[in-house]
Every structure is written in C-alpha cells, then in structure tokens.
Amino acid sequence: MTTDIYQRLENLGITLGEPPAPKGSYLPIVIHENICYLSGSLPYQDGELLYPGIVGKDVDTEDAKLAAAQCVKNSLSVMHHSLGGLDKVKRVLKLVGFVASAADFSQQPSVINGASDLLVEVFGESGRHARSAVGVSSLPLGSSVEIEMIIAI
C-alpha cells in the first residue's frame, strides 16, 4: 500500500516536505490508540499563506478549493512525519472544513470538495469520509480555509 500511496502522490505532483510549525500552543497531531486527531491545518506553502481573505469577497471558490487541497497536503506531511509513513493510514474517518465566508456565500461544500477529492485521489476508497463544511466569519491569521481530520491507523 505504501508504494501505491506514494506513487499516487508522485503522479499528482505532490512532494511531502517538512510540515508547517504550529502557530500556537497545540500539537499538530495527537495519537490515541488507533485514532489520529489532526489539528486544524492552514493552506501554507513554502512558508506563505495561500489565498488569504474572505471567500466570496476576496477569494473566489476555485482558489478556495486549492487552499483546501493545500491544507490536506500539509496534513499529509504531518501524518507522514509523525506516523513514519502514510501506509499506516487505514481510513480517513472525518474531515471538518472551515471556510471564512462572506455573509451571502453558501458554497462551503464546494470549497471543501478540494480537500475531500484529494483524499480520495491519494487513499482511494479509504479516503472517503464523513464531513462537515462550515462557514465562519474569520479564521486564524486571515486564512480563507482551515481543515481538520480524524484518521484511523
């Protein structure tokens, strides 16, 4: 399974670098028995926050989807480094996506599809998950999207 996952990542052009450092007093991942709880991930790439702002005002839906996918890439990096490999992942159980939304924006599920679709591309059927897509007035550090996950190992 390891080869398949890493081959899929390579085919998608995804390289797992060092995970972004936490921006507060928390752990990026907590493992209890066979469950991993991943803290909220922001769309950082090479130290830069991608697509900051409010979706439906400063950020369009397509760019917000890219931000959601970047959040997942960062979470994959956390899992890869913390678990010693993505082959330990048995299933993505739950994904919660937060979207900094303009008052009249209601396409949060479309934005979070950027995260959900990537998980299925990487893990296949094991990447299908329960999910919430929530609109909020703002997110930490001006981020447009934040993703948190629960994973079975």
N, C-alpha and C. Protein backbone atom coordinates (compact mmCIF):
# COMPACT_ATOMS: atom_id res chain seq x y z
N MET A 1 0.83 -1.20 0.00
CA MET A 1 0.00 0.00 0.00
C MET A 1 0.87 1.26 0.00
N THR A 2 2.00 1.21 0.69
CA THR A 2 2.88 2.37 0.73
C THR A 2 3.25 2.83 -0.67
N THR A 3 3.68 1.89 -1.48
CA THR A 3 4.09 2.22 -2.83
C THR A 3 2.97 2.89 -3.59
N ASP A 4 1.75 2.35 -3.45
CA ASP A 4 0.61 2.92 -4.15
C ASP A 4 0.35 4.36 -3.71
N ILE A 5 0.37 4.60 -2.42
CA ILE A 5 0.10 5.95 -1.91
C ILE A 5 1.17 6.92 -2.39
N TYR A 6 2.42 6.56 -2.24
CA TYR A 6 3.50 7.46 -2.64
C TYR A 6 3.58 7.60 -4.15
N GLN A 7 3.19 6.55 -4.87
CA GLN A 7 3.13 6.65 -6.33
C GLN A 7 2.02 7.61 -6.74
N ARG A 8 0.88 7.53 -6.06
CA ARG A 8 -0.22 8.47 -6.34
C ARG A 8 0.21 9.90 -6.06
N LEU A 9 0.90 10.11 -4.94
CA LEU A 9 1.39 11.45 -4.62
C LEU A 9 2.32 11.95 -5.72
N GLU A 10 3.22 11.09 -6.15
CA GLU A 10 4.15 11.48 -7.22
C GLU A 10 3.40 11.81 -8.50
N ASN A 11 2.41 10.97 -8.85
CA ASN A 11 1.61 11.21 -10.06
C ASN A 11 0.85 12.53 -9.97
N LEU A 12 0.47 12.93 -8.75
CA LEU A 12 -0.25 14.19 -8.55
C LEU A 12 0.71 15.39 -8.43
N GLY A 13 2.00 15.12 -8.45
CA GLY A 13 2.99 16.19 -8.33
C GLY A 13 3.13 16.70 -6.91
N ILE A 14 2.82 15.86 -5.93
CA ILE A 14 2.87 16.27 -4.52
C ILE A 14 4.12 15.71 -3.87
N THR A 15 4.91 16.60 -3.30
CA THR A 15 6.08 16.23 -2.52
C THR A 15 5.80 16.61 -1.08
N LEU A 16 6.03 15.68 -0.17
CA LEU A 16 5.78 15.94 1.24
C LEU A 16 7.05 16.47 1.90
N GLY A 17 7.06 17.77 2.14
CA GLY A 17 8.18 18.39 2.83
C GLY A 17 7.94 18.36 4.33
N GLU A 18 8.71 19.17 5.03
CA GLU A 18 8.50 19.30 6.47
C GLU A 18 7.15 19.96 6.72
N PRO A 19 6.39 19.46 7.69
CA PRO A 19 5.10 20.09 7.98
C PRO A 19 5.30 21.49 8.55
N PRO A 20 4.34 22.37 8.29
CA PRO A 20 4.43 23.72 8.88
C PRO A 20 4.45 23.64 10.41
N ALA A 21 5.22 24.48 11.04
CA ALA A 21 5.28 24.52 12.50
C ALA A 21 3.96 25.06 13.05
N PRO A 22 3.53 24.55 14.21
CA PRO A 22 2.31 25.08 14.82
C PRO A 22 2.42 26.59 15.06
N LYS A 23 1.30 27.29 14.88
CA LYS A 23 1.28 28.74 15.07
C LYS A 23 0.72 29.12 16.44
N GLY A 24 0.64 28.13 17.35
CA GLY A 24 0.11 28.38 18.69
C GLY A 24 0.52 27.27 19.64
N SER A 25 -0.14 27.23 20.78
CA SER A 25 0.16 26.25 21.84
C SER A 25 -0.68 25.00 21.66
N TYR A 26 -0.29 24.16 20.71
CA TYR A 26 -1.01 22.92 20.45
C TYR A 26 -0.09 21.95 19.72
N LEU A 27 -0.51 20.71 19.67
CA LEU A 27 0.20 19.69 18.90
C LEU A 27 -0.47 19.55 17.54
N PRO A 28 0.30 19.35 16.48
CA PRO A 28 -0.31 19.18 15.16
C PRO A 28 -1.07 17.86 15.03
N ILE A 29 -0.69 16.86 15.85
CA ILE A 29 -1.35 15.56 15.80
C ILE A 29 -1.29 14.93 17.19
N VAL A 30 -2.40 14.30 17.57
CA VAL A 30 -2.45 13.50 18.79
C VAL A 30 -2.92 12.12 18.37
N ILE A 31 -2.15 11.11 18.82
CA ILE A 31 -2.48 9.73 18.50
C ILE A 31 -2.92 9.05 19.79
N HIS A 32 -4.12 8.49 19.75
CA HIS A 32 -4.65 7.74 20.90
C HIS A 32 -5.16 6.41 20.39
N GLU A 33 -4.53 5.34 20.87
CA GLU A 33 -4.83 4.00 20.40
C GLU A 33 -4.70 3.97 18.88
N ASN A 34 -5.73 3.70 18.13
CA ASN A 34 -5.60 3.61 16.67
C ASN A 34 -6.25 4.79 15.95
N ILE A 35 -6.39 5.91 16.65
CA ILE A 35 -7.02 7.10 16.07
C ILE A 35 -6.06 8.28 16.13
N CYS A 36 -5.93 8.98 15.01
CA CYS A 36 -5.14 10.21 14.94
C CYS A 36 -6.08 11.40 14.82
N TYR A 37 -5.87 12.36 15.67
CA TYR A 37 -6.62 13.61 15.63
C TYR A 37 -5.65 14.68 15.13
N LEU A 38 -5.94 15.22 13.95
CA LEU A 38 -5.08 16.25 13.38
C LEU A 38 -5.67 17.62 13.66
N SER A 39 -4.83 18.50 14.18
CA SER A 39 -5.25 19.88 14.42
C SER A 39 -5.57 20.55 13.10
N GLY A 40 -6.26 21.67 13.20
CA GLY A 40 -6.58 22.43 12.00
C GLY A 40 -5.33 22.82 11.24
N SER A 41 -5.38 22.64 9.93
CA SER A 41 -4.26 22.96 9.05
C SER A 41 -4.66 24.12 8.16
N LEU A 42 -3.76 25.07 8.03
CA LEU A 42 -3.97 26.22 7.15
C LEU A 42 -3.24 25.98 5.83
N PRO A 43 -3.60 26.71 4.79
CA PRO A 43 -3.00 26.48 3.47
C PRO A 43 -1.64 27.15 3.28
N TYR A 44 -0.67 26.74 4.08
CA TYR A 44 0.69 27.25 3.92
C TYR A 44 1.43 26.44 2.87
N GLN A 45 2.18 27.15 2.03
CA GLN A 45 3.05 26.51 1.06
C GLN A 45 4.35 27.31 1.05
N ASP A 46 5.44 26.64 1.33
CA ASP A 46 6.76 27.29 1.38
C ASP A 46 6.75 28.52 2.29
N GLY A 47 6.09 28.40 3.43
CA GLY A 47 6.05 29.47 4.42
C GLY A 47 5.08 30.59 4.12
N GLU A 48 4.36 30.51 3.01
CA GLU A 48 3.42 31.57 2.62
C GLU A 48 1.98 31.06 2.73
N LEU A 49 1.12 31.88 3.30
CA LEU A 49 -0.30 31.55 3.39
C LEU A 49 -0.95 31.80 2.03
N LEU A 50 -1.46 30.73 1.42
CA LEU A 50 -2.08 30.85 0.10
C LEU A 50 -3.52 31.36 0.22
N TYR A 51 -3.92 32.22 -0.69
CA TYR A 51 -5.29 32.70 -0.83
C TYR A 51 -5.89 33.21 0.48
N PRO A 52 -5.24 34.15 1.16
CA PRO A 52 -5.83 34.70 2.38
C PRO A 52 -7.06 35.55 2.06
N GLY A 53 -7.94 35.67 3.03
CA GLY A 53 -9.09 36.54 2.89
C GLY A 53 -10.41 35.81 3.06
N ILE A 54 -11.46 36.49 2.66
CA ILE A 54 -12.83 36.00 2.82
C ILE A 54 -13.31 35.45 1.48
N VAL A 55 -13.80 34.21 1.50
CA VAL A 55 -14.29 33.57 0.28
C VAL A 55 -15.64 34.19 -0.08
N GLY A 56 -15.78 34.54 -1.34
CA GLY A 56 -16.98 35.23 -1.81
C GLY A 56 -16.81 36.74 -1.80
N LYS A 57 -15.66 37.18 -1.30
CA LYS A 57 -15.35 38.62 -1.28
C LYS A 57 -13.95 38.84 -1.85
N ASP A 58 -12.92 38.30 -1.16
CA ASP A 58 -11.53 38.46 -1.58
C ASP A 58 -11.01 37.26 -2.37
N VAL A 59 -11.60 36.11 -2.14
CA VAL A 59 -11.12 34.84 -2.70
C VAL A 59 -12.28 34.17 -3.42
N ASP A 60 -12.04 33.70 -4.66
CA ASP A 60 -13.12 33.00 -5.37
C ASP A 60 -13.15 31.52 -4.98
N THR A 61 -14.21 30.85 -5.35
CA THR A 61 -14.43 29.45 -4.95
C THR A 61 -13.32 28.54 -5.45
N GLU A 62 -12.85 28.72 -6.68
CA GLU A 62 -11.81 27.85 -7.22
C GLU A 62 -10.49 28.00 -6.47
N ASP A 63 -10.12 29.23 -6.13
CA ASP A 63 -8.90 29.42 -5.35
C ASP A 63 -9.06 28.87 -3.94
N ALA A 64 -10.24 29.00 -3.36
CA ALA A 64 -10.50 28.44 -2.03
C ALA A 64 -10.40 26.92 -2.06
N LYS A 65 -10.85 26.28 -3.16
CA LYS A 65 -10.70 24.83 -3.30
C LYS A 65 -9.21 24.45 -3.31
N LEU A 66 -8.39 25.24 -3.99
CA LEU A 66 -6.95 25.00 -4.00
C LEU A 66 -6.36 25.16 -2.59
N ALA A 67 -6.87 26.13 -1.85
CA ALA A 67 -6.43 26.33 -0.46
C ALA A 67 -6.80 25.11 0.39
N ALA A 68 -8.00 24.58 0.19
CA ALA A 68 -8.44 23.40 0.94
C ALA A 68 -7.54 22.20 0.62
N ALA A 69 -7.20 22.04 -0.64
CA ALA A 69 -6.30 20.95 -1.03
C ALA A 69 -4.92 21.13 -0.40
N GLN A 70 -4.42 22.37 -0.33
CA GLN A 70 -3.12 22.62 0.30
C GLN A 70 -3.17 22.28 1.79
N CYS A 71 -4.28 22.56 2.44
CA CYS A 71 -4.43 22.18 3.84
C CYS A 71 -4.26 20.67 4.00
N VAL A 72 -4.85 19.89 3.10
CA VAL A 72 -4.73 18.43 3.16
C VAL A 72 -3.28 18.02 2.91
N LYS A 73 -2.61 18.65 1.97
CA LYS A 73 -1.21 18.33 1.71
C LYS A 73 -0.38 18.55 2.98
N ASN A 74 -0.66 19.61 3.70
CA ASN A 74 0.06 19.88 4.95
C ASN A 74 -0.27 18.81 6.00
N SER A 75 -1.52 18.39 6.06
CA SER A 75 -1.90 17.33 6.99
C SER A 75 -1.24 16.00 6.61
N LEU A 76 -1.13 15.72 5.32
CA LEU A 76 -0.44 14.51 4.86
C LEU A 76 1.02 14.53 5.30
N SER A 77 1.63 15.70 5.23
CA SER A 77 3.01 15.85 5.67
C SER A 77 3.14 15.58 7.17
N VAL A 78 2.20 16.09 7.94
CA VAL A 78 2.20 15.83 9.39
C VAL A 78 2.08 14.33 9.65
N MET A 79 1.15 13.66 8.96
CA MET A 79 0.97 12.23 9.15
C MET A 79 2.21 11.45 8.73
N HIS A 80 2.76 11.80 7.57
CA HIS A 80 3.95 11.12 7.05
C HIS A 80 5.09 11.18 8.06
N HIS A 81 5.35 12.35 8.61
CA HIS A 81 6.46 12.52 9.54
C HIS A 81 6.15 11.96 10.93
N SER A 82 4.92 12.07 11.39
CA SER A 82 4.56 11.62 12.74
C SER A 82 4.35 10.11 12.82
N LEU A 83 3.81 9.53 11.77
CA LEU A 83 3.49 8.10 11.79
C LEU A 83 4.61 7.24 11.22
N GLY A 84 5.57 7.86 10.55
CA GLY A 84 6.62 7.10 9.90
C GLY A 84 6.20 6.56 8.54
N GLY A 85 5.16 7.14 7.97
CA GLY A 85 4.72 6.75 6.64
C GLY A 85 3.21 6.74 6.53
N LEU A 86 2.72 7.08 5.35
CA LEU A 86 1.27 7.11 5.11
C LEU A 86 0.66 5.73 4.96
N ASP A 87 1.51 4.70 4.87
CA ASP A 87 0.99 3.34 4.79
C ASP A 87 0.30 2.91 6.09
N LYS A 88 0.50 3.67 7.17
CA LYS A 88 -0.15 3.36 8.45
C LYS A 88 -1.63 3.78 8.45
N VAL A 89 -2.01 4.64 7.50
CA VAL A 89 -3.39 5.14 7.44
C VAL A 89 -4.30 4.03 6.93
N LYS A 90 -5.28 3.66 7.76
CA LYS A 90 -6.26 2.66 7.35
C LYS A 90 -7.48 3.31 6.70
N ARG A 91 -7.87 4.48 7.24
CA ARG A 91 -9.05 5.15 6.71
C ARG A 91 -9.11 6.59 7.21
N VAL A 92 -9.57 7.47 6.34
CA VAL A 92 -9.91 8.82 6.77
C VAL A 92 -11.34 8.73 7.31
N LEU A 93 -11.51 9.06 8.58
CA LEU A 93 -12.82 8.92 9.21
C LEU A 93 -13.68 10.17 9.07
N LYS A 94 -13.07 11.33 9.35
CA LYS A 94 -13.85 12.57 9.38
C LYS A 94 -12.98 13.73 8.95
N LEU A 95 -13.56 14.63 8.20
CA LEU A 95 -12.92 15.87 7.80
C LEU A 95 -13.87 17.00 8.17
N VAL A 96 -13.33 18.02 8.81
CA VAL A 96 -14.11 19.23 9.10
C VAL A 96 -13.41 20.38 8.39
N GLY A 97 -14.16 21.08 7.55
CA GLY A 97 -13.62 22.20 6.82
C GLY A 97 -14.29 23.49 7.22
N PHE A 98 -13.48 24.48 7.53
CA PHE A 98 -13.96 25.81 7.89
C PHE A 98 -13.61 26.75 6.75
N VAL A 99 -14.59 27.55 6.34
CA VAL A 99 -14.39 28.49 5.24
C VAL A 99 -14.72 29.89 5.74
N ALA A 100 -13.75 30.80 5.69
CA ALA A 100 -14.01 32.20 6.02
C ALA A 100 -14.91 32.74 4.90
N SER A 101 -16.15 33.03 5.23
CA SER A 101 -17.17 33.28 4.20
C SER A 101 -17.79 34.66 4.30
N ALA A 102 -18.01 35.24 3.12
CA ALA A 102 -18.82 36.46 3.05
C ALA A 102 -20.23 36.12 3.52
N ALA A 103 -20.96 37.12 3.96
CA ALA A 103 -22.29 36.89 4.53
C ALA A 103 -23.23 36.15 3.59
N ASP A 104 -23.13 36.39 2.29
CA ASP A 104 -24.04 35.75 1.34
C ASP A 104 -23.44 34.54 0.64
N PHE A 105 -22.25 34.09 1.08
CA PHE A 105 -21.59 32.94 0.44
C PHE A 105 -22.14 31.65 1.03
N SER A 106 -22.57 30.72 0.16
CA SER A 106 -23.16 29.46 0.64
C SER A 106 -22.57 28.22 -0.05
N GLN A 107 -21.41 28.37 -0.67
CA GLN A 107 -20.80 27.26 -1.40
C GLN A 107 -19.67 26.57 -0.61
N GLN A 108 -19.78 26.58 0.72
CA GLN A 108 -18.77 25.93 1.54
C GLN A 108 -18.53 24.47 1.14
N PRO A 109 -19.59 23.69 0.85
CA PRO A 109 -19.34 22.30 0.43
C PRO A 109 -18.47 22.21 -0.83
N SER A 110 -18.67 23.10 -1.78
CA SER A 110 -17.85 23.09 -3.00
C SER A 110 -16.38 23.39 -2.68
N VAL A 111 -16.15 24.32 -1.78
CA VAL A 111 -14.78 24.65 -1.38
C VAL A 111 -14.12 23.43 -0.74
N ILE A 112 -14.80 22.80 0.17
CA ILE A 112 -14.22 21.68 0.92
C ILE A 112 -14.08 20.44 0.05
N ASN A 113 -14.77 20.40 -1.09
CA ASN A 113 -14.54 19.31 -2.05
C ASN A 113 -13.07 19.27 -2.49
N GLY A 114 -12.41 20.43 -2.49
CA GLY A 114 -10.98 20.46 -2.83
C GLY A 114 -10.16 19.57 -1.91
N ALA A 115 -10.54 19.51 -0.64
CA ALA A 115 -9.87 18.64 0.33
C ALA A 115 -10.33 17.19 0.19
N SER A 116 -11.64 17.01 0.12
CA SER A 116 -12.20 15.66 0.05
C SER A 116 -11.75 14.92 -1.20
N ASP A 117 -11.78 15.58 -2.33
CA ASP A 117 -11.39 14.94 -3.59
C ASP A 117 -9.92 14.52 -3.56
N LEU A 118 -9.06 15.34 -2.98
CA LEU A 118 -7.65 14.99 -2.90
C LEU A 118 -7.44 13.75 -2.03
N LEU A 119 -8.16 13.66 -0.92
CA LEU A 119 -8.01 12.49 -0.05
C LEU A 119 -8.40 11.20 -0.78
N VAL A 120 -9.43 11.26 -1.60
CA VAL A 120 -9.83 10.08 -2.38
C VAL A 120 -8.77 9.77 -3.44
N GLU A 121 -8.21 10.81 -4.06
CA GLU A 121 -7.16 10.58 -5.05
C GLU A 121 -5.94 9.90 -4.42
N VAL A 122 -5.62 10.26 -3.19
CA VAL A 122 -4.44 9.71 -2.53
C VAL A 122 -4.71 8.33 -1.93
N PHE A 123 -5.83 8.18 -1.21
CA PHE A 123 -6.08 6.95 -0.47
C PHE A 123 -7.11 6.02 -1.11
N GLY A 124 -7.69 6.41 -2.25
CA GLY A 124 -8.72 5.59 -2.86
C GLY A 124 -9.96 5.55 -1.97
N GLU A 125 -10.64 4.42 -1.93
CA GLU A 125 -11.88 4.29 -1.14
C GLU A 125 -11.65 4.58 0.34
N SER A 126 -10.45 4.30 0.85
CA SER A 126 -10.13 4.57 2.25
C SER A 126 -10.08 6.06 2.55
N GLY A 127 -10.05 6.87 1.51
CA GLY A 127 -10.05 8.32 1.68
C GLY A 127 -11.44 8.93 1.78
N ARG A 128 -12.48 8.13 1.49
CA ARG A 128 -13.86 8.63 1.63
C ARG A 128 -14.18 8.76 3.11
N HIS A 129 -14.89 9.81 3.48
CA HIS A 129 -15.02 10.16 4.88
C HIS A 129 -16.34 10.86 5.18
N ALA A 130 -16.67 10.90 6.46
CA ALA A 130 -17.75 11.77 6.93
C ALA A 130 -17.19 13.19 6.93
N ARG A 131 -18.08 14.20 6.84
CA ARG A 131 -17.56 15.56 6.65
C ARG A 131 -18.54 16.62 7.12
N SER A 132 -17.98 17.73 7.54
CA SER A 132 -18.73 18.95 7.78
C SER A 132 -18.03 20.07 7.03
N ALA A 133 -18.81 20.98 6.45
CA ALA A 133 -18.28 22.16 5.76
C ALA A 133 -18.97 23.36 6.40
N VAL A 134 -18.21 24.17 7.11
CA VAL A 134 -18.77 25.21 7.96
C VAL A 134 -18.30 26.59 7.51
N GLY A 135 -19.22 27.52 7.37
CA GLY A 135 -18.88 28.90 7.07
C GLY A 135 -18.68 29.67 8.36
N VAL A 136 -17.60 30.44 8.43
CA VAL A 136 -17.28 31.24 9.61
C VAL A 136 -16.93 32.66 9.16
N SER A 137 -16.97 33.60 10.08
CA SER A 137 -16.70 34.99 9.71
C SER A 137 -15.21 35.26 9.51
N SER A 138 -14.35 34.53 10.21
CA SER A 138 -12.91 34.71 10.03
C SER A 138 -12.19 33.46 10.54
N LEU A 139 -10.93 33.32 10.11
CA LEU A 139 -10.08 32.21 10.52
C LEU A 139 -8.73 32.75 10.97
N PRO A 140 -7.95 31.95 11.70
CA PRO A 140 -6.66 32.42 12.18
C PRO A 140 -5.75 32.94 11.06
N LEU A 141 -5.05 34.01 11.38
CA LEU A 141 -4.03 34.60 10.51
C LEU A 141 -4.56 35.05 9.15
N GLY A 142 -5.90 35.23 9.05
CA GLY A 142 -6.50 35.69 7.81
C GLY A 142 -6.69 34.60 6.77
N SER A 143 -6.57 33.34 7.19
CA SER A 143 -6.72 32.23 6.25
C SER A 143 -8.14 32.17 5.70
N SER A 144 -8.25 31.71 4.46
CA SER A 144 -9.57 31.53 3.85
C SER A 144 -10.18 30.18 4.19
N VAL A 145 -9.33 29.19 4.49
CA VAL A 145 -9.79 27.82 4.75
C VAL A 145 -8.95 27.21 5.86
N GLU A 146 -9.57 26.35 6.65
CA GLU A 146 -8.86 25.53 7.64
C GLU A 146 -9.49 24.13 7.62
N ILE A 147 -8.65 23.11 7.67
CA ILE A 147 -9.11 21.72 7.60
C ILE A 147 -8.59 20.97 8.82
N GLU A 148 -9.45 20.19 9.46
CA GLU A 148 -9.01 19.27 10.49
C GLU A 148 -9.54 17.88 10.15
N MET A 149 -8.83 16.85 10.62
CA MET A 149 -9.20 15.49 10.25
C MET A 149 -9.05 14.52 11.41
N ILE A 150 -9.77 13.41 11.31
CA ILE A 150 -9.63 12.28 12.20
C ILE A 150 -9.33 11.07 11.31
N ILE A 151 -8.27 10.34 11.66
CA ILE A 151 -7.76 9.26 10.81
C ILE A 151 -7.64 7.99 11.64
N ALA A 152 -8.02 6.85 11.08
CA ALA A 152 -7.78 5.54 11.71
C ALA A 152 -6.45 4.99 11.21
N ILE A 153 -5.66 4.46 12.15
CA ILE A 153 -4.38 3.83 11.77
C ILE A 153 -4.36 2.40 12.24
